[in-house]
Amino acid sequence: MVEMVLDVSSNARAPGIAREALRDMLDESIPRAFSLDAQLAITELVTNSVRHVRAPSTIEVRADLSTERLRVEIRDRGAGFTYLDTAPAAEAEGGWGLLIVDRVADRWGFSEKPGTAWFELDR
């Protein structure tokens, strides 16, 4: 199993830092499509943390790659929220992140602990 734990400051650079760290964790033996889906999902979840949690704060990113799957958890100091399974208006600039995660991940959700979102991709 390959593991990554990363603490990033909650700011505009956080999604890119998390994406690059995950990309570096996934070596060349991982199919490109798998890696790109994982990078997209982590970017969306970290972006949500940055947008919805007051700074200054730290976001914890955990990733575990096994022979069966990749699991990524994003933990922040947010109080959590209720996910509404509705698409934003077609012209909306925001609100698409969790729909994107839903499309690329095999499983995703929120843990019982507020401020923790996760996704999994099967290998």
PDB file of N, CA and C in Angstrom:
ATOM      1  N   MET A   1       0.842  -1.174   0.000  1.00  0.00           N
ATOM      2  CA  MET A   1       0.000   0.000   0.000  1.00  0.00           C
ATOM      3  C   MET A   1       0.886   1.236   0.000  1.00  0.00           C
ATOM      4  N   VAL A   2       0.490   2.218  -0.780  1.00  0.00           N
ATOM      5  CA  VAL A   2       1.174   3.499  -0.830  1.00  0.00           C
ATOM      6  C   VAL A   2       0.269   4.513  -0.145  1.00  0.00           C
ATOM      7  N   GLU A   3       0.838   5.324   0.743  1.00  0.00           N
ATOM      8  CA  GLU A   3       0.055   6.307   1.477  1.00  0.00           C
ATOM      9  C   GLU A   3       0.641   7.698   1.320  1.00  0.00           C
ATOM     10  N   MET A   4      -0.246   8.683   1.417  1.00  0.00           N
ATOM     11  CA  MET A   4       0.164  10.081   1.389  1.00  0.00           C
ATOM     12  C   MET A   4      -0.660  10.817   2.439  1.00  0.00           C
ATOM     13  N   VAL A   5      -0.005  11.643   3.229  1.00  0.00           N
ATOM     14  CA  VAL A   5      -0.682  12.550   4.143  1.00  0.00           C
ATOM     15  C   VAL A   5      -0.083  13.923   3.901  1.00  0.00           C
ATOM     16  N   LEU A   6      -0.962  14.894   3.694  1.00  0.00           N
ATOM     17  CA  LEU A   6      -0.524  16.234   3.331  1.00  0.00           C
ATOM     18  C   LEU A   6      -1.395  17.238   4.058  1.00  0.00           C
ATOM     19  N   ASP A   7      -0.790  18.224   4.688  1.00  0.00           N
ATOM     20  CA  ASP A   7      -1.511  19.351   5.269  1.00  0.00           C
ATOM     21  C   ASP A   7      -1.220  20.575   4.412  1.00  0.00           C
ATOM     22  N   VAL A   8      -2.286  21.211   3.935  1.00  0.00           N
ATOM     23  CA  VAL A   8      -2.125  22.402   3.105  1.00  0.00           C
ATOM     24  C   VAL A   8      -2.929  23.546   3.710  1.00  0.00           C
ATOM     25  N   SER A   9      -2.410  24.746   3.569  1.00  0.00           N
ATOM     26  CA  SER A   9      -3.140  25.927   4.018  1.00  0.00           C
ATOM     27  C   SER A   9      -4.346  26.136   3.133  1.00  0.00           C
ATOM     28  N   SER A  10      -5.438  26.532   3.745  1.00  0.00           N
ATOM     29  CA  SER A  10      -6.669  26.758   2.998  1.00  0.00           C
ATOM     30  C   SER A  10      -6.576  28.085   2.259  1.00  0.00           C
ATOM     31  N   ASN A  11      -6.103  28.015   1.025  1.00  0.00           N
ATOM     32  CA  ASN A  11      -6.012  29.195   0.177  1.00  0.00           C
ATOM     33  C   ASN A  11      -6.125  28.748  -1.279  1.00  0.00           C
ATOM     34  N   ALA A  12      -6.043  29.687  -2.192  1.00  0.00           N
ATOM     35  CA  ALA A  12      -6.265  29.394  -3.609  1.00  0.00           C
ATOM     36  C   ALA A  12      -5.261  28.404  -4.189  1.00  0.00           C
ATOM     37  N   ARG A  13      -4.110  28.248  -3.558  1.00  0.00           N
ATOM     38  CA  ARG A  13      -3.096  27.312  -4.065  1.00  0.00           C
ATOM     39  C   ARG A  13      -3.336  25.874  -3.629  1.00  0.00           C
ATOM     40  N   ALA A  14      -4.167  25.668  -2.607  1.00  0.00           N
ATOM     41  CA  ALA A  14      -4.361  24.339  -2.019  1.00  0.00           C
ATOM     42  C   ALA A  14      -4.803  23.279  -3.022  1.00  0.00           C
ATOM     43  N   PRO A  15      -5.790  23.547  -3.895  1.00  0.00           N
ATOM     44  CA  PRO A  15      -6.200  22.495  -4.839  1.00  0.00           C
ATOM     45  C   PRO A  15      -5.052  22.030  -5.745  1.00  0.00           C
ATOM     46  N   GLY A  16      -4.258  22.953  -6.227  1.00  0.00           N
ATOM     47  CA  GLY A  16      -3.141  22.590  -7.089  1.00  0.00           C
ATOM     48  C   GLY A  16      -2.066  21.815  -6.354  1.00  0.00           C
ATOM     49  N   ILE A  17      -1.792  22.204  -5.112  1.00  0.00           N
ATOM     50  CA  ILE A  17      -0.795  21.493  -4.303  1.00  0.00           C
ATOM     51  C   ILE A  17      -1.248  20.055  -4.065  1.00  0.00           C
ATOM     52  N   ALA A  18      -2.527  19.881  -3.693  1.00  0.00           N
ATOM     53  CA  ALA A  18      -3.055  18.530  -3.442  1.00  0.00           C
ATOM     54  C   ALA A  18      -3.042  17.697  -4.722  1.00  0.00           C
ATOM     55  N   ARG A  19      -3.431  18.298  -5.838  1.00  0.00           N
ATOM     56  CA  ARG A  19      -3.451  17.588  -7.121  1.00  0.00           C
ATOM     57  C   ARG A  19      -2.051  17.126  -7.507  1.00  0.00           C
ATOM     58  N   GLU A  20      -1.058  18.010  -7.377  1.00  0.00           N
ATOM     59  CA  GLU A  20       0.317  17.653  -7.737  1.00  0.00           C
ATOM     60  C   GLU A  20       0.872  16.560  -6.822  1.00  0.00           C
ATOM     61  N   ALA A  21       0.564  16.633  -5.539  1.00  0.00           N
ATOM     62  CA  ALA A  21       1.042  15.606  -4.606  1.00  0.00           C
ATOM     63  C   ALA A  21       0.447  14.244  -4.950  1.00  0.00           C
ATOM     64  N   LEU A  22      -0.837  14.230  -5.294  1.00  0.00           N
ATOM     65  CA  LEU A  22      -1.468  12.967  -5.677  1.00  0.00           C
ATOM     66  C   LEU A  22      -0.885  12.443  -6.986  1.00  0.00           C
ATOM     67  N   ARG A  23      -0.681  13.329  -7.944  1.00  0.00           N
ATOM     68  CA  ARG A  23      -0.083  12.919  -9.219  1.00  0.00           C
ATOM     69  C   ARG A  23       1.293  12.305  -8.988  1.00  0.00           C
ATOM     70  N   ASP A  24       2.078  12.913  -8.104  1.00  0.00           N
ATOM     71  CA  ASP A  24       3.404  12.385  -7.814  1.00  0.00           C
ATOM     72  C   ASP A  24       3.333  11.026  -7.113  1.00  0.00           C
ATOM     73  N   MET A  25       2.293  10.830  -6.293  1.00  0.00           N
ATOM     74  CA  MET A  25       2.122   9.555  -5.598  1.00  0.00           C
ATOM     75  C   MET A  25       1.780   8.433  -6.576  1.00  0.00           C
ATOM     76  N   LEU A  26       1.014   8.759  -7.596  1.00  0.00           N
ATOM     77  CA  LEU A  26       0.593   7.763  -8.588  1.00  0.00           C
ATOM     78  C   LEU A  26       1.677   7.681  -9.653  1.00  0.00           C
ATOM     79  N   ASP A  27       2.419   6.602  -9.671  1.00  0.00           N
ATOM     80  CA  ASP A  27       3.536   6.488 -10.593  1.00  0.00           C
ATOM     81  C   ASP A  27       3.084   6.118 -12.003  1.00  0.00           C
ATOM     82  N   GLU A  28       4.052   5.919 -12.875  1.00  0.00           N
ATOM     83  CA  GLU A  28       3.771   5.648 -14.286  1.00  0.00           C
ATOM     84  C   GLU A  28       3.055   4.331 -14.522  1.00  0.00           C
ATOM     85  N   SER A  29       3.042   3.439 -13.525  1.00  0.00           N
ATOM     86  CA  SER A  29       2.351   2.162 -13.706  1.00  0.00           C
ATOM     87  C   SER A  29       0.833   2.315 -13.616  1.00  0.00           C
ATOM     88  N   ILE A  30       0.367   3.453 -13.143  1.00  0.00           N
ATOM     89  CA  ILE A  30      -1.068   3.727 -13.027  1.00  0.00           C
ATOM     90  C   ILE A  30      -1.569   4.234 -14.377  1.00  0.00           C
ATOM     91  N   PRO A  31      -2.665   3.688 -14.890  1.00  0.00           N
ATOM     92  CA  PRO A  31      -3.200   4.189 -16.166  1.00  0.00           C
ATOM     93  C   PRO A  31      -3.495   5.693 -16.106  1.00  0.00           C
ATOM     94  N   ARG A  32      -3.208   6.361 -17.193  1.00  0.00           N
ATOM     95  CA  ARG A  32      -3.369   7.823 -17.248  1.00  0.00           C
ATOM     96  C   ARG A  32      -4.803   8.251 -16.936  1.00  0.00           C
ATOM     97  N   ALA A  33      -5.795   7.559 -17.459  1.00  0.00           N
ATOM     98  CA  ALA A  33      -7.192   7.938 -17.222  1.00  0.00           C
ATOM     99  C   ALA A  33      -7.525   7.854 -15.728  1.00  0.00           C
ATOM    100  N   PHE A  34      -7.034   6.830 -15.055  1.00  0.00           N
ATOM    101  CA  PHE A  34      -7.238   6.675 -13.612  1.00  0.00           C
ATOM    102  C   PHE A  34      -6.627   7.863 -12.874  1.00  0.00           C
ATOM    103  N   SER A  35      -5.394   8.192 -13.216  1.00  0.00           N
ATOM    104  CA  SER A  35      -4.695   9.297 -12.568  1.00  0.00           C
ATOM    105  C   SER A  35      -5.411  10.618 -12.806  1.00  0.00           C
ATOM    106  N   LEU A  36      -5.859  10.858 -14.013  1.00  0.00           N
ATOM    107  CA  LEU A  36      -6.554  12.115 -14.321  1.00  0.00           C
ATOM    108  C   LEU A  36      -7.884  12.211 -13.575  1.00  0.00           C
ATOM    109  N   ASP A  37      -8.629  11.110 -13.485  1.00  0.00           N
ATOM    110  CA  ASP A  37      -9.879  11.121 -12.715  1.00  0.00           C
ATOM    111  C   ASP A  37      -9.605  11.429 -11.246  1.00  0.00           C
ATOM    112  N   ALA A  38      -8.571  10.809 -10.690  1.00  0.00           N
ATOM    113  CA  ALA A  38      -8.217  11.046  -9.292  1.00  0.00           C
ATOM    114  C   ALA A  38      -7.804  12.497  -9.066  1.00  0.00           C
ATOM    115  N   GLN A  39      -7.022  13.040  -9.982  1.00  0.00           N
ATOM    116  CA  GLN A  39      -6.590  14.429  -9.858  1.00  0.00           C
ATOM    117  C   GLN A  39      -7.775  15.392  -9.950  1.00  0.00           C
ATOM    118  N   LEU A  40      -8.720  15.103 -10.827  1.00  0.00           N
ATOM    119  CA  LEU A  40      -9.902  15.949 -10.958  1.00  0.00           C
ATOM    120  C   LEU A  40     -10.732  15.904  -9.677  1.00  0.00           C
ATOM    121  N   ALA A  41     -10.960  14.722  -9.141  1.00  0.00           N
ATOM    122  CA  ALA A  41     -11.781  14.582  -7.931  1.00  0.00           C
ATOM    123  C   ALA A  41     -11.124  15.259  -6.730  1.00  0.00           C
ATOM    124  N   ILE A  42      -9.819  15.088  -6.557  1.00  0.00           N
ATOM    125  CA  ILE A  42      -9.165  15.718  -5.410  1.00  0.00           C
ATOM    126  C   ILE A  42      -9.197  17.237  -5.541  1.00  0.00           C
ATOM    127  N   THR A  43      -9.041  17.732  -6.758  1.00  0.00           N
ATOM    128  CA  THR A  43      -9.099  19.177  -6.985  1.00  0.00           C
ATOM    129  C   THR A  43     -10.464  19.727  -6.587  1.00  0.00           C
ATOM    130  N   GLU A  44     -11.524  19.042  -6.975  1.00  0.00           N
ATOM    131  CA  GLU A  44     -12.875  19.512  -6.656  1.00  0.00           C
ATOM    132  C   GLU A  44     -13.142  19.497  -5.152  1.00  0.00           C
ATOM    133  N   LEU A  45     -12.741  18.426  -4.454  1.00  0.00           N
ATOM    134  CA  LEU A  45     -13.017  18.359  -3.019  1.00  0.00           C
ATOM    135  C   LEU A  45     -12.187  19.359  -2.231  1.00  0.00           C
ATOM    136  N   VAL A  46     -10.931  19.552  -2.596  1.00  0.00           N
ATOM    137  CA  VAL A  46     -10.112  20.551  -1.905  1.00  0.00           C
ATOM    138  C   VAL A  46     -10.631  21.957  -2.204  1.00  0.00           C
ATOM    139  N   THR A  47     -11.058  22.190  -3.420  1.00  0.00           N
ATOM    140  CA  THR A  47     -11.643  23.487  -3.762  1.00  0.00           C
ATOM    141  C   THR A  47     -12.861  23.772  -2.894  1.00  0.00           C
ATOM    142  N   ASN A  48     -13.705  22.765  -2.686  1.00  0.00           N
ATOM    143  CA  ASN A  48     -14.865  22.953  -1.801  1.00  0.00           C
ATOM    144  C   ASN A  48     -14.422  23.347  -0.402  1.00  0.00           C
ATOM    145  N   SER A  49     -13.389  22.695   0.108  1.00  0.00           N
ATOM    146  CA  SER A  49     -12.888  23.049   1.437  1.00  0.00           C
ATOM    147  C   SER A  49     -12.423  24.498   1.485  1.00  0.00           C
ATOM    148  N   VAL A  50     -11.686  24.898   0.484  1.00  0.00           N
ATOM    149  CA  VAL A  50     -11.181  26.276   0.444  1.00  0.00           C
ATOM    150  C   VAL A  50     -12.344  27.263   0.390  1.00  0.00           C
ATOM    151  N   ARG A  51     -13.338  26.971  -0.416  1.00  0.00           N
ATOM    152  CA  ARG A  51     -14.462  27.905  -0.603  1.00  0.00           C
ATOM    153  C   ARG A  51     -15.382  27.995   0.600  1.00  0.00           C
ATOM    154  N   HIS A  52     -15.516  26.900   1.352  1.00  0.00           N
ATOM    155  CA  HIS A  52     -16.553  26.863   2.378  1.00  0.00           C
ATOM    156  C   HIS A  52     -16.049  26.888   3.817  1.00  0.00           C
ATOM    157  N   VAL A  53     -14.741  26.905   4.021  1.00  0.00           N
ATOM    158  CA  VAL A  53     -14.190  26.955   5.370  1.00  0.00           C
ATOM    159  C   VAL A  53     -13.409  28.251   5.520  1.00  0.00           C
ATOM    160  N   ARG A  54     -13.642  28.916   6.608  1.00  0.00           N
ATOM    161  CA  ARG A  54     -12.963  30.199   6.820  1.00  0.00           C
ATOM    162  C   ARG A  54     -11.468  30.007   7.006  1.00  0.00           C
ATOM    163  N   ALA A  55     -10.705  30.855   6.332  1.00  0.00           N
ATOM    164  CA  ALA A  55      -9.257  30.867   6.509  1.00  0.00           C
ATOM    165  C   ALA A  55      -8.946  31.768   7.705  1.00  0.00           C
ATOM    166  N   PRO A  56      -7.850  31.669   8.387  1.00  0.00           N
ATOM    167  CA  PRO A  56      -6.810  30.682   8.118  1.00  0.00           C
ATOM    168  C   PRO A  56      -7.193  29.319   8.681  1.00  0.00           C
ATOM    169  N   SER A  57      -6.908  28.337   7.919  1.00  0.00           N
ATOM    170  CA  SER A  57      -7.221  26.978   8.310  1.00  0.00           C
ATOM    171  C   SER A  57      -6.290  26.041   7.552  1.00  0.00           C
ATOM    172  N   THR A  58      -6.275  24.798   7.988  1.00  0.00           N
ATOM    173  CA  THR A  58      -5.481  23.784   7.317  1.00  0.00           C
ATOM    174  C   THR A  58      -6.400  22.679   6.825  1.00  0.00           C
ATOM    175  N   ILE A  59      -6.116  22.183   5.660  1.00  0.00           N
ATOM    176  CA  ILE A  59      -6.848  21.069   5.071  1.00  0.00           C
ATOM    177  C   ILE A  59      -5.920  19.859   5.098  1.00  0.00           C
ATOM    178  N   GLU A  60      -6.431  18.751   5.617  1.00  0.00           N
ATOM    179  CA  GLU A  60      -5.652  17.517   5.631  1.00  0.00           C
ATOM    180  C   GLU A  60      -6.109  16.645   4.472  1.00  0.00           C
ATOM    181  N   VAL A  61      -5.161  16.194   3.694  1.00  0.00           N
ATOM    182  CA  VAL A  61      -5.426  15.328   2.546  1.00  0.00           C
ATOM    183  C   VAL A  61      -4.750  13.988   2.816  1.00  0.00           C
ATOM    184  N   ARG A  62      -5.528  12.912   2.753  1.00  0.00           N
ATOM    185  CA  ARG A  62      -4.999  11.557   2.960  1.00  0.00           C
ATOM    186  C   ARG A  62      -5.342  10.734   1.732  1.00  0.00           C
ATOM    187  N   ALA A  63      -4.385   9.983   1.243  1.00  0.00           N
ATOM    188  CA  ALA A  63      -4.618   9.100   0.104  1.00  0.00           C
ATOM    189  C   ALA A  63      -3.974   7.752   0.389  1.00  0.00           C
ATOM    190  N   ASP A  64      -4.716   6.697   0.102  1.00  0.00           N
ATOM    191  CA  ASP A  64      -4.225   5.331   0.263  1.00  0.00           C
ATOM    192  C   ASP A  64      -4.460   4.592  -1.041  1.00  0.00           C
ATOM    193  N   LEU A  65      -3.392   4.090  -1.625  1.00  0.00           N
ATOM    194  CA  LEU A  65      -3.466   3.328  -2.862  1.00  0.00           C
ATOM    195  C   LEU A  65      -3.135   1.881  -2.554  1.00  0.00           C
ATOM    196  N   SER A  66      -4.105   1.005  -2.780  1.00  0.00           N
ATOM    197  CA  SER A  66      -3.891  -0.433  -2.589  1.00  0.00           C
ATOM    198  C   SER A  66      -4.000  -1.108  -3.951  1.00  0.00           C
ATOM    199  N   THR A  67      -3.885  -2.413  -3.956  1.00  0.00           N
ATOM    200  CA  THR A  67      -4.023  -3.137  -5.225  1.00  0.00           C
ATOM    201  C   THR A  67      -5.465  -3.110  -5.721  1.00  0.00           C
ATOM    202  N   GLU A  68      -6.423  -2.823  -4.822  1.00  0.00           N
ATOM    203  CA  GLU A  68      -7.841  -2.809  -5.205  1.00  0.00           C
ATOM    204  C   GLU A  68      -8.383  -1.430  -5.544  1.00  0.00           C
ATOM    205  N   ARG A  69      -7.872  -0.379  -4.847  1.00  0.00           N
ATOM    206  CA  ARG A  69      -8.505   0.923  -5.007  1.00  0.00           C
ATOM    207  C   ARG A  69      -7.604   2.054  -4.533  1.00  0.00           C
ATOM    208  N   LEU A  70      -8.027   3.267  -4.873  1.00  0.00           N
ATOM    209  CA  LEU A  70      -7.470   4.498  -4.317  1.00  0.00           C
ATOM    210  C   LEU A  70      -8.561   5.123  -3.467  1.00  0.00           C
ATOM    211  N   ARG A  71      -8.237   5.453  -2.226  1.00  0.00           N
ATOM    212  CA  ARG A  71      -9.174   6.174  -1.358  1.00  0.00           C
ATOM    213  C   ARG A  71      -8.510   7.485  -0.960  1.00  0.00           C
ATOM    214  N   VAL A  72      -9.252   8.576  -1.119  1.00  0.00           N
ATOM    215  CA  VAL A  72      -8.764   9.907  -0.761  1.00  0.00           C
ATOM    216  C   VAL A  72      -9.760  10.533   0.203  1.00  0.00           C
ATOM    217  N   GLU A  73      -9.245  11.089   1.285  1.00  0.00           N
ATOM    218  CA  GLU A  73     -10.069  11.812   2.256  1.00  0.00           C
ATOM    219  C   GLU A  73      -9.562  13.240   2.378  1.00  0.00           C
ATOM    220  N   ILE A  74     -10.515  14.163   2.437  1.00  0.00           N
ATOM    221  CA  ILE A  74     -10.225  15.577   2.625  1.00  0.00           C
ATOM    222  C   ILE A  74     -10.868  15.977   3.944  1.00  0.00           C
ATOM    223  N   ARG A  75     -10.075  16.462   4.885  1.00  0.00           N
ATOM    224  CA  ARG A  75     -10.597  16.857   6.196  1.00  0.00           C
ATOM    225  C   ARG A  75     -10.324  18.332   6.431  1.00  0.00           C
ATOM    226  N   ASP A  76     -11.343  19.033   6.861  1.00  0.00           N
ATOM    227  CA  ASP A  76     -11.190  20.442   7.183  1.00  0.00           C
ATOM    228  C   ASP A  76     -11.950  20.741   8.463  1.00  0.00           C
ATOM    229  N   ARG A  77     -11.972  21.986   8.855  1.00  0.00           N
ATOM    230  CA  ARG A  77     -12.637  22.381  10.098  1.00  0.00           C
ATOM    231  C   ARG A  77     -14.070  22.836   9.856  1.00  0.00           C
ATOM    232  N   GLY A  78     -14.605  22.498   8.722  1.00  0.00           N
ATOM    233  CA  GLY A  78     -15.977  22.881   8.413  1.00  0.00           C
ATOM    234  C   GLY A  78     -16.979  22.096   9.231  1.00  0.00           C
ATOM    235  N   ALA A  79     -18.176  22.629   9.285  1.00  0.00           N
ATOM    236  CA  ALA A  79     -19.244  22.008  10.074  1.00  0.00           C
ATOM    237  C   ALA A  79     -20.002  20.958   9.272  1.00  0.00           C
ATOM    238  N   GLY A  80     -19.613  20.744   8.025  1.00  0.00           N
ATOM    239  CA  GLY A  80     -20.357  19.826   7.174  1.00  0.00           C
ATOM    240  C   GLY A  80     -21.562  20.525   6.573  1.00  0.00           C
ATOM    241  N   PHE A  81     -22.254  19.844   5.697  1.00  0.00           N
ATOM    242  CA  PHE A  81     -23.421  20.424   5.052  1.00  0.00           C
ATOM    243  C   PHE A  81     -24.266  19.316   4.461  1.00  0.00           C
ATOM    244  N   THR A  82     -25.423  19.682   4.013  1.00  0.00           N
ATOM    245  CA  THR A  82     -26.315  18.730   3.377  1.00  0.00           C
ATOM    246  C   THR A  82     -26.132  18.838   1.869  1.00  0.00           C
ATOM    247  N   TYR A  83     -25.831  17.739   1.233  1.00  0.00           N
ATOM    248  CA  TYR A  83     -25.645  17.718  -0.217  1.00  0.00           C
ATOM    249  C   TYR A  83     -27.000  17.601  -0.905  1.00  0.00           C
ATOM    250  N   LEU A  84     -27.261  18.516  -1.805  1.00  0.00           N
ATOM    251  CA  LEU A  84     -28.484  18.478  -2.590  1.00  0.00           C
ATOM    252  C   LEU A  84     -28.142  17.926  -3.959  1.00  0.00           C
ATOM    253  N   ASP A  85     -28.730  16.836  -4.310  1.00  0.00           N
ATOM    254  CA  ASP A  85     -28.422  16.144  -5.558  1.00  0.00           C
ATOM    255  C   ASP A  85     -29.140  16.806  -6.734  1.00  0.00           C
ATOM    256  N   THR A  86     -28.837  18.065  -6.950  1.00  0.00           N
ATOM    257  CA  THR A  86     -29.434  18.803  -8.053  1.00  0.00           C
ATOM    258  C   THR A  86     -28.338  19.534  -8.812  1.00  0.00           C
ATOM    259  N   ALA A  87     -28.478  19.598 -10.091  1.00  0.00           N
ATOM    260  CA  ALA A  87     -27.489  20.291 -10.919  1.00  0.00           C
ATOM    261  C   ALA A  87     -27.749  21.792 -10.872  1.00  0.00           C
ATOM    262  N   PRO A  88     -26.698  22.588 -10.876  1.00  0.00           N
ATOM    263  CA  PRO A  88     -26.890  24.031 -10.961  1.00  0.00           C
ATOM    264  C   PRO A  88     -27.404  24.407 -12.348  1.00  0.00           C
ATOM    265  N   ALA A  89     -27.855  25.611 -12.481  1.00  0.00           N
ATOM    266  CA  ALA A  89     -28.299  26.089 -13.788  1.00  0.00           C
ATOM    267  C   ALA A  89     -27.149  25.968 -14.786  1.00  0.00           C
ATOM    268  N   ALA A  90     -27.483  25.702 -16.031  1.00  0.00           N
ATOM    269  CA  ALA A  90     -26.472  25.468 -17.063  1.00  0.00           C
ATOM    270  C   ALA A  90     -25.464  26.604 -17.166  1.00  0.00           C
ATOM    271  N   GLU A  91     -25.892  27.825 -16.915  1.00  0.00           N
ATOM    272  CA  GLU A  91     -24.992  28.976 -17.038  1.00  0.00           C
ATOM    273  C   GLU A  91     -24.236  29.278 -15.743  1.00  0.00           C
ATOM    274  N   ALA A  92     -24.474  28.511 -14.689  1.00  0.00           N
ATOM    275  CA  ALA A  92     -23.828  28.756 -13.397  1.00  0.00           C
ATOM    276  C   ALA A  92     -22.327  28.517 -13.478  1.00  0.00           C
ATOM    277  N   GLU A  93     -21.571  29.396 -12.846  1.00  0.00           N
ATOM    278  CA  GLU A  93     -20.121  29.254 -12.818  1.00  0.00           C
ATOM    279  C   GLU A  93     -19.654  28.320 -11.715  1.00  0.00           C
ATOM    280  N   GLY A  94     -20.468  28.077 -10.712  1.00  0.00           N
ATOM    281  CA  GLY A  94     -20.092  27.220  -9.607  1.00  0.00           C
ATOM    282  C   GLY A  94     -21.157  26.175  -9.338  1.00  0.00           C
ATOM    283  N   GLY A  95     -20.863  25.313  -8.395  1.00  0.00           N
ATOM    284  CA  GLY A  95     -21.830  24.302  -8.001  1.00  0.00           C
ATOM    285  C   GLY A  95     -21.713  22.981  -8.731  1.00  0.00           C
ATOM    286  N   TRP A  96     -20.681  22.835  -9.544  1.00  0.00           N
ATOM    287  CA  TRP A  96     -20.517  21.625 -10.348  1.00  0.00           C
ATOM    288  C   TRP A  96     -19.579  20.604  -9.716  1.00  0.00           C
ATOM    289  N   GLY A  97     -18.824  20.995  -8.702  1.00  0.00           N
ATOM    290  CA  GLY A  97     -17.752  20.158  -8.155  1.00  0.00           C
ATOM    291  C   GLY A  97     -18.180  18.775  -7.721  1.00  0.00           C
ATOM    292  N   LEU A  98     -19.224  18.673  -6.902  1.00  0.00           N
ATOM    293  CA  LEU A  98     -19.635  17.361  -6.415  1.00  0.00           C
ATOM    294  C   LEU A  98     -20.272  16.524  -7.514  1.00  0.00           C
ATOM    295  N   LEU A  99     -20.883  17.171  -8.494  1.00  0.00           N
ATOM    296  CA  LEU A  99     -21.404  16.418  -9.641  1.00  0.00           C
ATOM    297  C   LEU A  99     -20.262  15.819 -10.455  1.00  0.00           C
ATOM    298  N   ILE A 100     -19.169  16.554 -10.559  1.00  0.00           N
ATOM    299  CA  ILE A 100     -17.982  16.041 -11.250  1.00  0.00           C
ATOM    300  C   ILE A 100     -17.413  14.853 -10.485  1.00  0.00           C
ATOM    301  N   VAL A 101     -17.289  14.988  -9.172  1.00  0.00           N
ATOM    302  CA  VAL A 101     -16.785  13.883  -8.347  1.00  0.00           C
ATOM    303  C   VAL A 101     -17.689  12.664  -8.514  1.00  0.00           C
ATOM    304  N   ASP A 102     -18.991  12.889  -8.529  1.00  0.00           N
ATOM    305  CA  ASP A 102     -19.941  11.794  -8.699  1.00  0.00           C
ATOM    306  C   ASP A 102     -19.736  11.070 -10.028  1.00  0.00           C
ATOM    307  N   ARG A 103     -19.355  11.789 -11.048  1.00  0.00           N
ATOM    308  CA  ARG A 103     -19.163  11.192 -12.371  1.00  0.00           C
ATOM    309  C   ARG A 103     -17.877  10.380 -12.481  1.00  0.00           C
ATOM    310  N   VAL A 104     -16.798  10.841 -11.817  1.00  0.00           N
ATOM    311  CA  VAL A 104     -15.508  10.171 -12.007  1.00  0.00           C
ATOM    312  C   VAL A 104     -15.202   9.127 -10.938  1.00  0.00           C
ATOM    313  N   ALA A 105     -15.778   9.258  -9.748  1.00  0.00           N
ATOM    314  CA  ALA A 105     -15.466   8.336  -8.649  1.00  0.00           C
ATOM    315  C   ALA A 105     -16.389   7.121  -8.686  1.00  0.00           C
ATOM    316  N   ASP A 106     -15.865   5.994  -8.226  1.00  0.00           N
ATOM    317  CA  ASP A 106     -16.704   4.810  -8.084  1.00  0.00           C
ATOM    318  C   ASP A 106     -17.602   4.929  -6.857  1.00  0.00           C
ATOM    319  N   ARG A 107     -17.091   5.578  -5.826  1.00  0.00           N
ATOM    320  CA  ARG A 107     -17.847   5.848  -4.607  1.00  0.00           C
ATOM    321  C   ARG A 107     -17.336   7.159  -4.033  1.00  0.00           C
ATOM    322  N   TRP A 108     -18.211   7.892  -3.364  1.00  0.00           N
ATOM    323  CA  TRP A 108     -17.785   9.102  -2.679  1.00  0.00           C
ATOM    324  C   TRP A 108     -18.834   9.460  -1.643  1.00  0.00           C
ATOM    325  N   GLY A 109     -18.474  10.345  -0.750  1.00  0.00           N
ATOM    326  CA  GLY A 109     -19.445  10.776   0.234  1.00  0.00           C
ATOM    327  C   GLY A 109     -18.793  11.592   1.330  1.00  0.00           C
ATOM    328  N   PHE A 110     -19.517  11.653   2.450  1.00  0.00           N
ATOM    329  CA  PHE A 110     -19.079  12.406   3.609  1.00  0.00           C
ATOM    330  C   PHE A 110     -19.089  11.471   4.800  1.00  0.00           C
ATOM    331  N   SER A 111     -18.095  11.584   5.647  1.00  0.00           N
ATOM    332  CA  SER A 111     -18.085  10.732   6.832  1.00  0.00           C
ATOM    333  C   SER A 111     -18.991  11.331   7.888  1.00  0.00           C
ATOM    334  N   GLU A 112     -19.207  10.583   8.936  1.00  0.00           N
ATOM    335  CA  GLU A 112     -20.034  11.076  10.031  1.00  0.00           C
ATOM    336  C   GLU A 112     -19.387  12.274  10.719  1.00  0.00           C
ATOM    337  N   LYS A 113     -18.070  12.340  10.679  1.00  0.00           N
ATOM    338  CA  LYS A 113     -17.376  13.482  11.260  1.00  0.00           C
ATOM    339  C   LYS A 113     -17.523  14.673  10.308  1.00  0.00           C
ATOM    340  N   PRO A 114     -18.084  15.772  10.788  1.00  0.00           N
ATOM    341  CA  PRO A 114     -18.218  16.943   9.904  1.00  0.00           C
ATOM    342  C   PRO A 114     -16.868  17.374   9.345  1.00  0.00           C
ATOM    343  N   GLY A 115     -16.892  17.877   8.144  1.00  0.00           N
ATOM    344  CA  GLY A 115     -15.675  18.377   7.530  1.00  0.00           C
ATOM    345  C   GLY A 115     -14.833  17.326   6.842  1.00  0.00           C
ATOM    346  N   THR A 116     -15.361  16.123   6.616  1.00  0.00           N
ATOM    347  CA  THR A 116     -14.597  15.083   5.939  1.00  0.00           C
ATOM    348  C   THR A 116     -15.367  14.573   4.733  1.00  0.00           C
ATOM    349  N   ALA A 117     -14.765  14.737   3.568  1.00  0.00           N
ATOM    350  CA  ALA A 117     -15.312  14.196   2.325  1.00  0.00           C
ATOM    351  C   ALA A 117     -14.313  13.184   1.794  1.00  0.00           C
ATOM    352  N   TRP A 118     -14.785  12.223   1.029  1.00  0.00           N
ATOM    353  CA  TRP A 118     -13.906  11.173   0.516  1.00  0.00           C
ATOM    354  C   TRP A 118     -14.388  10.708  -0.850  1.00  0.00           C
ATOM    355  N   PHE A 119     -13.466  10.068  -1.567  1.00  0.00           N
ATOM    356  CA  PHE A 119     -13.839   9.368  -2.797  1.00  0.00           C
ATOM    357  C   PHE A 119     -12.954   8.156  -2.964  1.00  0.00           C
ATOM    358  N   GLU A 120     -13.448   7.197  -3.747  1.00  0.00           N
ATOM    359  CA  GLU A 120     -12.689   5.996  -4.075  1.00  0.00           C
ATOM    360  C   GLU A 120     -12.770   5.730  -5.563  1.00  0.00           C
ATOM    361  N   LEU A 121     -11.659   5.267  -6.099  1.00  0.00           N
ATOM    362  CA  LEU A 121     -11.587   4.800  -7.486  1.00  0.00           C
ATOM    363  C   LEU A 121     -11.097   3.364  -7.458  1.00  0.00           C
ATOM    364  N   ASP A 122     -11.829   2.473  -8.083  1.00  0.00           N
ATOM    365  CA  ASP A 122     -11.396   1.085  -8.169  1.00  0.00           C
ATOM    366  C   ASP A 122     -10.315   0.944  -9.222  1.00  0.00           C
ATOM    367  N   ARG A 123      -9.333   0.109  -8.917  1.00  0.00           N
ATOM    368  CA  ARG A 123      -8.260  -0.138  -9.878  1.00  0.00           C
ATOM    369  C   ARG A 123      -8.680  -1.225 -10.806  1.00  0.00           C
TER     370      ARG A 123
END
